[in-house]
Amino acid sequence: PGCTADVSRTDAPLVAPVTTIVLPFPPSVNHYYQRTRSGQVFLGPKAVAFRERVHLEWLARSWMPLEGPISLEIRAFRPRVVGDIDNVLKATLDALNRRYFLDDRQVVRLLVHLDHDPACPRLEVTIECVDAPPDRRKRPPRMMPALGAKRKPALPRG
């Protein structure tokens, strides 16, 4: 597939083309960022603790960040049946970024399952190398009118 890792570091193994990791359940976006009285925004203590746990998991595996397009499948086993599915994404993608992949712009496909497990809240994240999607910024070729078709008159300028 179109995804690789920097092999210049020989002390760390590569991430397999399909990798599943189990992470703690992230804090809610409502508790992720906090503000000082002057209005400055910073990561809250729960967000810092979550990122540190993800970082320790990454260090234990000694993997290189992937380069190229990737697909993420996230199975979120939440502790309570509250909250939106998108609350899981911000903290998770930010924590995985620059560890398991270089930049979250590499994510070309994202699938999220929301389940309930109060006994063991967690994330099961599957990272998969995929082929690059077609470049959508390129304009499609102009279609030529069929032979004998009448052209629409141009609108007057002005």
N, C-alpha and C. Protein backbone atom coordinates (compact mmCIF):
# COMPACT_ATOMS: atom_id res chain seq x y z
N PRO A 1 0.82 -1.21 0.00
CA PRO A 1 0.00 0.00 0.00
C PRO A 1 0.85 1.26 0.00
N GLY A 2 0.22 2.42 0.02
CA GLY A 2 0.93 3.67 -0.10
C GLY A 2 1.48 4.23 1.19
N CYS A 3 1.63 3.43 2.23
CA CYS A 3 2.04 3.97 3.51
C CYS A 3 3.34 3.31 3.94
N THR A 4 4.27 4.12 4.45
CA THR A 4 5.57 3.61 4.87
C THR A 4 5.97 4.24 6.19
N ALA A 5 7.09 3.82 6.72
CA ALA A 5 7.66 4.44 7.91
C ALA A 5 9.11 4.77 7.61
N ASP A 6 9.65 5.74 8.33
CA ASP A 6 11.04 6.14 8.15
C ASP A 6 11.94 5.03 8.68
N VAL A 7 12.67 4.37 7.79
CA VAL A 7 13.50 3.25 8.20
C VAL A 7 14.92 3.68 8.54
N SER A 8 15.20 4.97 8.57
CA SER A 8 16.54 5.42 8.91
C SER A 8 16.87 5.11 10.36
N ARG A 9 15.83 5.00 11.20
CA ARG A 9 16.03 4.58 12.59
C ARG A 9 15.94 3.07 12.63
N THR A 10 17.04 2.41 12.85
CA THR A 10 17.03 0.95 12.85
C THR A 10 16.74 0.36 14.22
N ASP A 11 16.64 1.20 15.24
CA ASP A 11 16.41 0.69 16.59
C ASP A 11 14.94 0.46 16.90
N ALA A 12 14.04 0.83 16.00
CA ALA A 12 12.62 0.68 16.27
C ALA A 12 11.96 -0.12 15.15
N PRO A 13 11.08 -1.06 15.49
CA PRO A 13 10.38 -1.82 14.45
C PRO A 13 9.35 -0.96 13.75
N LEU A 14 8.99 -1.38 12.56
CA LEU A 14 7.95 -0.69 11.82
C LEU A 14 6.58 -1.10 12.32
N VAL A 15 5.62 -0.24 12.12
CA VAL A 15 4.25 -0.59 12.41
C VAL A 15 3.78 -1.52 11.30
N ALA A 16 3.07 -2.55 11.66
CA ALA A 16 2.55 -3.49 10.67
C ALA A 16 1.54 -2.76 9.78
N PRO A 17 1.28 -3.29 8.56
CA PRO A 17 0.31 -2.64 7.68
C PRO A 17 -1.07 -2.49 8.32
N VAL A 18 -1.43 -3.38 9.24
CA VAL A 18 -2.67 -3.23 10.02
C VAL A 18 -2.29 -3.45 11.47
N THR A 19 -2.59 -2.46 12.30
CA THR A 19 -2.21 -2.50 13.71
C THR A 19 -3.41 -2.14 14.56
N THR A 20 -3.65 -2.89 15.63
CA THR A 20 -4.72 -2.56 16.58
C THR A 20 -4.08 -2.30 17.93
N ILE A 21 -4.44 -1.17 18.51
CA ILE A 21 -3.95 -0.82 19.84
C ILE A 21 -5.14 -0.58 20.76
N VAL A 22 -4.96 -0.84 22.03
CA VAL A 22 -6.01 -0.60 23.04
C VAL A 22 -5.53 0.54 23.92
N LEU A 23 -6.37 1.56 24.04
CA LEU A 23 -6.05 2.77 24.78
C LEU A 23 -7.13 3.04 25.82
N PRO A 24 -6.82 3.85 26.83
CA PRO A 24 -7.87 4.24 27.77
C PRO A 24 -8.91 5.12 27.08
N PHE A 25 -10.09 5.17 27.65
CA PHE A 25 -11.14 6.02 27.09
C PHE A 25 -10.75 7.49 27.31
N PRO A 26 -10.87 8.33 26.29
CA PRO A 26 -10.42 9.72 26.41
C PRO A 26 -11.39 10.57 27.22
N PRO A 27 -10.89 11.69 27.73
CA PRO A 27 -11.78 12.62 28.42
C PRO A 27 -12.73 13.29 27.43
N SER A 28 -13.84 13.76 27.91
CA SER A 28 -14.79 14.48 27.08
C SER A 28 -14.15 15.77 26.56
N VAL A 29 -14.57 16.19 25.39
CA VAL A 29 -14.08 17.45 24.84
C VAL A 29 -14.40 18.60 25.80
N ASN A 30 -15.49 18.47 26.55
CA ASN A 30 -15.85 19.51 27.52
C ASN A 30 -14.79 19.68 28.60
N HIS A 31 -14.00 18.63 28.86
CA HIS A 31 -12.96 18.69 29.88
C HIS A 31 -11.56 18.66 29.28
N TYR A 32 -11.49 18.70 27.97
CA TYR A 32 -10.21 18.59 27.29
C TYR A 32 -9.41 19.89 27.37
N TYR A 33 -10.05 20.97 27.00
CA TYR A 33 -9.41 22.28 27.06
C TYR A 33 -9.98 23.08 28.22
N GLN A 34 -9.13 23.91 28.81
CA GLN A 34 -9.57 24.80 29.88
C GLN A 34 -9.04 26.19 29.59
N ARG A 35 -9.61 27.19 30.27
CA ARG A 35 -9.21 28.58 30.06
C ARG A 35 -8.73 29.20 31.37
N THR A 36 -7.75 30.07 31.22
CA THR A 36 -7.33 30.87 32.36
C THR A 36 -8.29 32.04 32.48
N ARG A 37 -8.17 32.80 33.53
CA ARG A 37 -9.05 33.98 33.69
C ARG A 37 -8.80 35.03 32.61
N SER A 38 -7.57 35.03 32.06
CA SER A 38 -7.27 35.99 31.01
C SER A 38 -7.71 35.50 29.63
N GLY A 39 -8.25 34.26 29.56
CA GLY A 39 -8.77 33.75 28.31
C GLY A 39 -7.84 32.83 27.54
N GLN A 40 -6.64 32.59 28.07
CA GLN A 40 -5.73 31.67 27.39
C GLN A 40 -6.25 30.24 27.52
N VAL A 41 -6.09 29.46 26.45
CA VAL A 41 -6.58 28.09 26.41
C VAL A 41 -5.39 27.14 26.64
N PHE A 42 -5.61 26.10 27.43
CA PHE A 42 -4.58 25.11 27.68
C PHE A 42 -5.23 23.75 27.87
N LEU A 43 -4.42 22.68 27.75
CA LEU A 43 -4.92 21.33 27.96
C LEU A 43 -5.21 21.13 29.45
N GLY A 44 -6.37 20.57 29.74
CA GLY A 44 -6.73 20.29 31.11
C GLY A 44 -5.97 19.07 31.64
N PRO A 45 -6.01 18.84 32.95
CA PRO A 45 -5.27 17.72 33.53
C PRO A 45 -5.71 16.35 32.99
N LYS A 46 -6.99 16.17 32.71
CA LYS A 46 -7.45 14.90 32.15
C LYS A 46 -6.91 14.67 30.75
N ALA A 47 -6.83 15.74 29.97
CA ALA A 47 -6.29 15.64 28.62
C ALA A 47 -4.80 15.32 28.66
N VAL A 48 -4.07 15.96 29.56
CA VAL A 48 -2.64 15.71 29.69
C VAL A 48 -2.40 14.26 30.11
N ALA A 49 -3.19 13.77 31.06
CA ALA A 49 -3.04 12.39 31.53
C ALA A 49 -3.34 11.40 30.40
N PHE A 50 -4.37 11.66 29.60
CA PHE A 50 -4.71 10.78 28.47
C PHE A 50 -3.57 10.76 27.46
N ARG A 51 -3.05 11.92 27.10
CA ARG A 51 -1.95 11.98 26.13
C ARG A 51 -0.72 11.25 26.65
N GLU A 52 -0.45 11.39 27.94
CA GLU A 52 0.70 10.69 28.52
C GLU A 52 0.52 9.18 28.45
N ARG A 53 -0.70 8.69 28.71
CA ARG A 53 -0.94 7.24 28.62
C ARG A 53 -0.76 6.74 27.19
N VAL A 54 -1.24 7.50 26.22
CA VAL A 54 -1.06 7.12 24.81
C VAL A 54 0.43 7.14 24.46
N HIS A 55 1.12 8.15 24.94
CA HIS A 55 2.56 8.26 24.66
C HIS A 55 3.32 7.08 25.27
N LEU A 56 2.99 6.68 26.48
CA LEU A 56 3.65 5.55 27.12
C LEU A 56 3.37 4.24 26.37
N GLU A 57 2.16 4.08 25.88
CA GLU A 57 1.82 2.90 25.08
C GLU A 57 2.65 2.88 23.80
N TRP A 58 2.81 4.04 23.19
CA TRP A 58 3.61 4.15 21.97
C TRP A 58 5.08 3.85 22.25
N LEU A 59 5.61 4.38 23.36
CA LEU A 59 7.01 4.12 23.72
C LEU A 59 7.24 2.63 23.98
N ALA A 60 6.29 1.98 24.62
CA ALA A 60 6.43 0.56 24.92
C ALA A 60 6.52 -0.27 23.64
N ARG A 61 5.87 0.19 22.58
CA ARG A 61 5.89 -0.55 21.32
C ARG A 61 7.07 -0.13 20.43
N SER A 62 7.66 1.01 20.69
CA SER A 62 8.81 1.52 19.92
C SER A 62 8.55 1.54 18.43
N TRP A 63 7.41 2.03 18.01
CA TRP A 63 7.06 2.05 16.60
C TRP A 63 7.39 3.39 15.97
N MET A 64 7.62 3.32 14.68
CA MET A 64 7.87 4.52 13.90
C MET A 64 6.53 5.07 13.40
N PRO A 65 6.39 6.41 13.35
CA PRO A 65 5.16 6.97 12.78
C PRO A 65 5.04 6.61 11.30
N LEU A 66 3.84 6.29 10.88
CA LEU A 66 3.58 5.95 9.48
C LEU A 66 3.57 7.20 8.62
N GLU A 67 3.98 7.03 7.39
CA GLU A 67 3.89 8.09 6.39
C GLU A 67 2.94 7.61 5.31
N GLY A 68 2.19 8.51 4.72
CA GLY A 68 1.27 8.14 3.65
C GLY A 68 -0.14 7.99 4.17
N PRO A 69 -1.08 7.71 3.28
CA PRO A 69 -2.50 7.65 3.65
C PRO A 69 -2.81 6.46 4.56
N ILE A 70 -3.66 6.72 5.55
CA ILE A 70 -4.05 5.67 6.49
C ILE A 70 -5.55 5.70 6.73
N SER A 71 -6.03 4.56 7.21
CA SER A 71 -7.43 4.42 7.61
C SER A 71 -7.45 4.14 9.10
N LEU A 72 -8.38 4.77 9.82
CA LEU A 72 -8.54 4.53 11.25
C LEU A 72 -9.93 3.96 11.51
N GLU A 73 -9.98 2.92 12.30
CA GLU A 73 -11.25 2.41 12.81
C GLU A 73 -11.16 2.46 14.33
N ILE A 74 -12.08 3.18 14.94
CA ILE A 74 -12.06 3.37 16.39
C ILE A 74 -13.31 2.73 16.98
N ARG A 75 -13.12 1.77 17.86
CA ARG A 75 -14.23 1.18 18.63
C ARG A 75 -14.13 1.79 20.02
N ALA A 76 -15.08 2.63 20.34
CA ALA A 76 -15.08 3.34 21.62
C ALA A 76 -16.06 2.66 22.57
N PHE A 77 -15.53 2.09 23.63
CA PHE A 77 -16.34 1.46 24.67
C PHE A 77 -16.44 2.45 25.82
N ARG A 78 -17.52 3.20 25.85
CA ARG A 78 -17.64 4.30 26.80
C ARG A 78 -18.17 3.81 28.15
N PRO A 79 -17.85 4.54 29.21
CA PRO A 79 -18.28 4.13 30.55
C PRO A 79 -19.76 4.39 30.82
N ARG A 80 -20.32 5.40 30.15
CA ARG A 80 -21.73 5.74 30.35
C ARG A 80 -22.39 5.98 29.00
N VAL A 81 -23.69 5.86 28.95
CA VAL A 81 -24.42 6.08 27.70
C VAL A 81 -24.79 7.57 27.61
N VAL A 82 -23.79 8.40 27.51
CA VAL A 82 -23.98 9.84 27.32
C VAL A 82 -22.89 10.34 26.39
N GLY A 83 -23.13 11.46 25.78
CA GLY A 83 -22.12 12.07 24.92
C GLY A 83 -22.28 11.69 23.46
N ASP A 84 -21.76 12.56 22.64
CA ASP A 84 -21.81 12.37 21.19
C ASP A 84 -20.61 11.57 20.72
N ILE A 85 -20.75 10.98 19.56
CA ILE A 85 -19.67 10.18 19.00
C ILE A 85 -18.45 11.04 18.67
N ASP A 86 -18.66 12.29 18.31
CA ASP A 86 -17.53 13.14 17.94
C ASP A 86 -16.71 13.58 19.14
N ASN A 87 -17.23 13.43 20.38
CA ASN A 87 -16.44 13.77 21.56
C ASN A 87 -15.21 12.88 21.69
N VAL A 88 -15.28 11.69 21.14
CA VAL A 88 -14.17 10.73 21.22
C VAL A 88 -13.04 11.12 20.26
N LEU A 89 -13.38 11.75 19.16
CA LEU A 89 -12.42 11.92 18.07
C LEU A 89 -11.31 12.92 18.35
N LYS A 90 -11.62 14.08 18.84
CA LYS A 90 -10.61 15.13 19.00
C LYS A 90 -9.45 14.66 19.87
N ALA A 91 -9.75 14.17 21.06
CA ALA A 91 -8.70 13.74 21.98
C ALA A 91 -7.91 12.57 21.40
N THR A 92 -8.60 11.65 20.76
CA THR A 92 -7.95 10.46 20.22
C THR A 92 -7.00 10.81 19.08
N LEU A 93 -7.49 11.56 18.11
CA LEU A 93 -6.65 11.93 16.97
C LEU A 93 -5.46 12.78 17.40
N ASP A 94 -5.68 13.70 18.33
CA ASP A 94 -4.57 14.53 18.82
C ASP A 94 -3.52 13.69 19.53
N ALA A 95 -3.95 12.69 20.29
CA ALA A 95 -3.00 11.86 21.03
C ALA A 95 -2.22 10.92 20.10
N LEU A 96 -2.85 10.42 19.05
CA LEU A 96 -2.18 9.52 18.11
C LEU A 96 -1.24 10.26 17.17
N ASN A 97 -1.56 11.52 16.91
CA ASN A 97 -0.80 12.34 15.97
C ASN A 97 0.65 12.47 16.41
N ARG A 98 1.59 12.31 15.47
CA ARG A 98 3.03 12.42 15.67
C ARG A 98 3.60 11.26 16.47
N ARG A 99 2.77 10.25 16.70
CA ARG A 99 3.26 9.04 17.34
C ARG A 99 3.05 7.87 16.38
N TYR A 100 1.79 7.55 16.12
CA TYR A 100 1.48 6.44 15.24
C TYR A 100 1.45 6.85 13.78
N PHE A 101 1.23 8.13 13.52
CA PHE A 101 1.33 8.68 12.17
C PHE A 101 1.86 10.10 12.30
N LEU A 102 2.40 10.63 11.21
CA LEU A 102 3.07 11.93 11.28
C LEU A 102 2.10 13.10 11.44
N ASP A 103 0.97 13.03 10.76
CA ASP A 103 0.03 14.14 10.78
C ASP A 103 -1.37 13.61 10.56
N ASP A 104 -2.35 14.16 11.25
CA ASP A 104 -3.72 13.64 11.08
C ASP A 104 -4.30 13.96 9.71
N ARG A 105 -3.60 14.74 8.89
CA ARG A 105 -4.03 14.93 7.50
C ARG A 105 -3.86 13.66 6.69
N GLN A 106 -3.08 12.69 7.20
CA GLN A 106 -2.89 11.42 6.51
C GLN A 106 -4.14 10.54 6.57
N VAL A 107 -5.03 10.83 7.51
CA VAL A 107 -6.23 10.01 7.68
C VAL A 107 -7.18 10.30 6.53
N VAL A 108 -7.37 9.30 5.66
CA VAL A 108 -8.25 9.46 4.51
C VAL A 108 -9.57 8.71 4.69
N ARG A 109 -9.62 7.85 5.70
CA ARG A 109 -10.86 7.13 6.02
C ARG A 109 -10.94 6.97 7.52
N LEU A 110 -12.13 7.23 8.08
CA LEU A 110 -12.32 7.19 9.53
C LEU A 110 -13.67 6.54 9.82
N LEU A 111 -13.65 5.48 10.61
CA LEU A 111 -14.86 4.77 10.99
C LEU A 111 -14.88 4.68 12.51
N VAL A 112 -15.99 5.10 13.12
CA VAL A 112 -16.08 5.11 14.58
C VAL A 112 -17.31 4.30 15.00
N HIS A 113 -17.09 3.35 15.90
CA HIS A 113 -18.17 2.56 16.50
C HIS A 113 -18.30 3.02 17.95
N LEU A 114 -19.50 3.20 18.40
CA LEU A 114 -19.72 3.60 19.79
C LEU A 114 -20.44 2.47 20.51
N ASP A 115 -19.78 1.92 21.53
CA ASP A 115 -20.33 0.83 22.33
C ASP A 115 -20.35 1.26 23.79
N HIS A 116 -20.87 0.39 24.64
CA HIS A 116 -21.02 0.69 26.06
C HIS A 116 -20.39 -0.43 26.88
N ASP A 117 -19.42 -0.10 27.75
CA ASP A 117 -18.79 -1.08 28.63
C ASP A 117 -18.34 -0.37 29.90
N PRO A 118 -19.25 -0.24 30.89
CA PRO A 118 -18.87 0.48 32.11
C PRO A 118 -17.78 -0.23 32.91
N ALA A 119 -17.64 -1.54 32.75
CA ALA A 119 -16.62 -2.28 33.50
C ALA A 119 -15.22 -2.03 32.96
N CYS A 120 -15.12 -1.77 31.67
CA CYS A 120 -13.79 -1.59 31.05
C CYS A 120 -13.86 -0.58 29.91
N PRO A 121 -14.03 0.71 30.21
CA PRO A 121 -14.07 1.71 29.13
C PRO A 121 -12.70 1.78 28.46
N ARG A 122 -12.73 1.84 27.12
CA ARG A 122 -11.47 1.81 26.38
C ARG A 122 -11.71 2.19 24.92
N LEU A 123 -10.63 2.35 24.21
CA LEU A 123 -10.64 2.53 22.76
C LEU A 123 -9.86 1.39 22.15
N GLU A 124 -10.40 0.81 21.10
CA GLU A 124 -9.66 -0.15 20.29
C GLU A 124 -9.48 0.50 18.94
N VAL A 125 -8.26 0.88 18.64
CA VAL A 125 -7.96 1.66 17.44
C VAL A 125 -7.20 0.79 16.45
N THR A 126 -7.75 0.64 15.26
CA THR A 126 -7.08 -0.10 14.19
C THR A 126 -6.57 0.91 13.17
N ILE A 127 -5.27 0.85 12.91
CA ILE A 127 -4.61 1.74 11.96
C ILE A 127 -4.19 0.89 10.78
N GLU A 128 -4.57 1.30 9.58
CA GLU A 128 -4.28 0.51 8.40
C GLU A 128 -3.72 1.39 7.30
N CYS A 129 -2.67 0.93 6.65
CA CYS A 129 -2.13 1.62 5.48
C CYS A 129 -3.10 1.41 4.32
N VAL A 130 -3.38 2.45 3.57
CA VAL A 130 -4.28 2.35 2.42
C VAL A 130 -3.65 3.04 1.23
N ASP A 131 -4.17 2.74 0.05
CA ASP A 131 -3.72 3.43 -1.14
C ASP A 131 -4.24 4.86 -1.12
N ALA A 132 -3.50 5.73 -1.75
CA ALA A 132 -3.89 7.14 -1.79
C ALA A 132 -5.19 7.32 -2.56
N PRO A 133 -6.10 8.15 -2.04
CA PRO A 133 -7.32 8.42 -2.79
C PRO A 133 -7.01 9.32 -3.98
N PRO A 134 -7.88 9.35 -4.96
CA PRO A 134 -7.64 10.24 -6.10
C PRO A 134 -7.62 11.70 -5.63
N ASP A 135 -6.82 12.51 -6.29
CA ASP A 135 -6.71 13.92 -5.93
C ASP A 135 -7.99 14.63 -6.35
N ARG A 136 -8.77 15.03 -5.39
CA ARG A 136 -10.07 15.66 -5.67
C ARG A 136 -9.95 17.13 -6.04
N ARG A 137 -8.75 17.67 -5.87
CA ARG A 137 -8.58 19.09 -6.21
C ARG A 137 -8.49 19.30 -7.71
N LYS A 138 -8.13 18.26 -8.44
CA LYS A 138 -8.04 18.39 -9.90
C LYS A 138 -9.44 18.47 -10.48
N ARG A 139 -9.61 19.34 -11.43
CA ARG A 139 -10.91 19.48 -12.07
C ARG A 139 -11.11 18.34 -13.06
N PRO A 140 -12.31 17.81 -13.15
CA PRO A 140 -12.55 16.77 -14.14
C PRO A 140 -12.43 17.36 -15.55
N PRO A 141 -12.10 16.54 -16.52
CA PRO A 141 -11.97 17.06 -17.88
C PRO A 141 -13.32 17.59 -18.37
N ARG A 142 -13.27 18.65 -19.16
CA ARG A 142 -14.50 19.22 -19.70
C ARG A 142 -15.08 18.27 -20.71
N MET A 143 -16.37 18.14 -20.64
CA MET A 143 -17.06 17.27 -21.60
C MET A 143 -17.32 18.07 -22.87
N MET A 144 -17.00 17.47 -23.98
CA MET A 144 -17.27 18.10 -25.27
C MET A 144 -18.73 17.84 -25.63
N PRO A 145 -19.40 18.81 -26.23
CA PRO A 145 -20.79 18.57 -26.62
C PRO A 145 -20.87 17.47 -27.67
N ALA A 146 -21.92 16.72 -27.62
CA ALA A 146 -22.11 15.65 -28.59
C ALA A 146 -22.20 16.25 -29.99
N LEU A 147 -21.80 15.47 -30.98
CA LEU A 147 -21.87 15.95 -32.35
C LEU A 147 -23.31 16.31 -32.70
N GLY A 148 -23.46 17.45 -33.28
CA GLY A 148 -24.78 17.87 -33.71
C GLY A 148 -25.61 18.52 -32.60
N ALA A 149 -25.09 18.56 -31.35
CA ALA A 149 -25.85 19.17 -30.26
C ALA A 149 -25.77 20.69 -30.38
N LYS A 150 -26.86 21.35 -30.04
CA LYS A 150 -26.87 22.80 -30.10
C LYS A 150 -26.26 23.34 -28.80
N ARG A 151 -25.45 24.38 -28.95
CA ARG A 151 -24.85 25.00 -27.78
C ARG A 151 -25.80 26.03 -27.22
N LYS A 152 -25.75 26.18 -25.91
CA LYS A 152 -26.56 27.23 -25.28
C LYS A 152 -25.93 28.58 -25.60
N PRO A 153 -26.74 29.58 -25.83
CA PRO A 153 -26.17 30.91 -26.12
C PRO A 153 -25.49 31.45 -24.86
N ALA A 154 -24.38 32.15 -25.07
CA ALA A 154 -23.66 32.75 -23.95
C ALA A 154 -24.48 33.88 -23.36
N LEU A 155 -24.37 34.02 -22.03
CA LEU A 155 -25.07 35.12 -21.36
C LEU A 155 -24.35 36.43 -21.67
N PRO A 156 -25.12 37.51 -21.86
CA PRO A 156 -24.47 38.80 -22.13
C PRO A 156 -23.67 39.28 -20.93
N ARG A 157 -22.53 39.85 -21.19
CA ARG A 157 -21.70 40.40 -20.11
C ARG A 157 -22.12 41.81 -19.82
N GLY A 158 -21.95 42.17 -18.57
CA GLY A 158 -22.25 43.56 -18.30
C GLY A 158 -22.93 43.78 -17.09
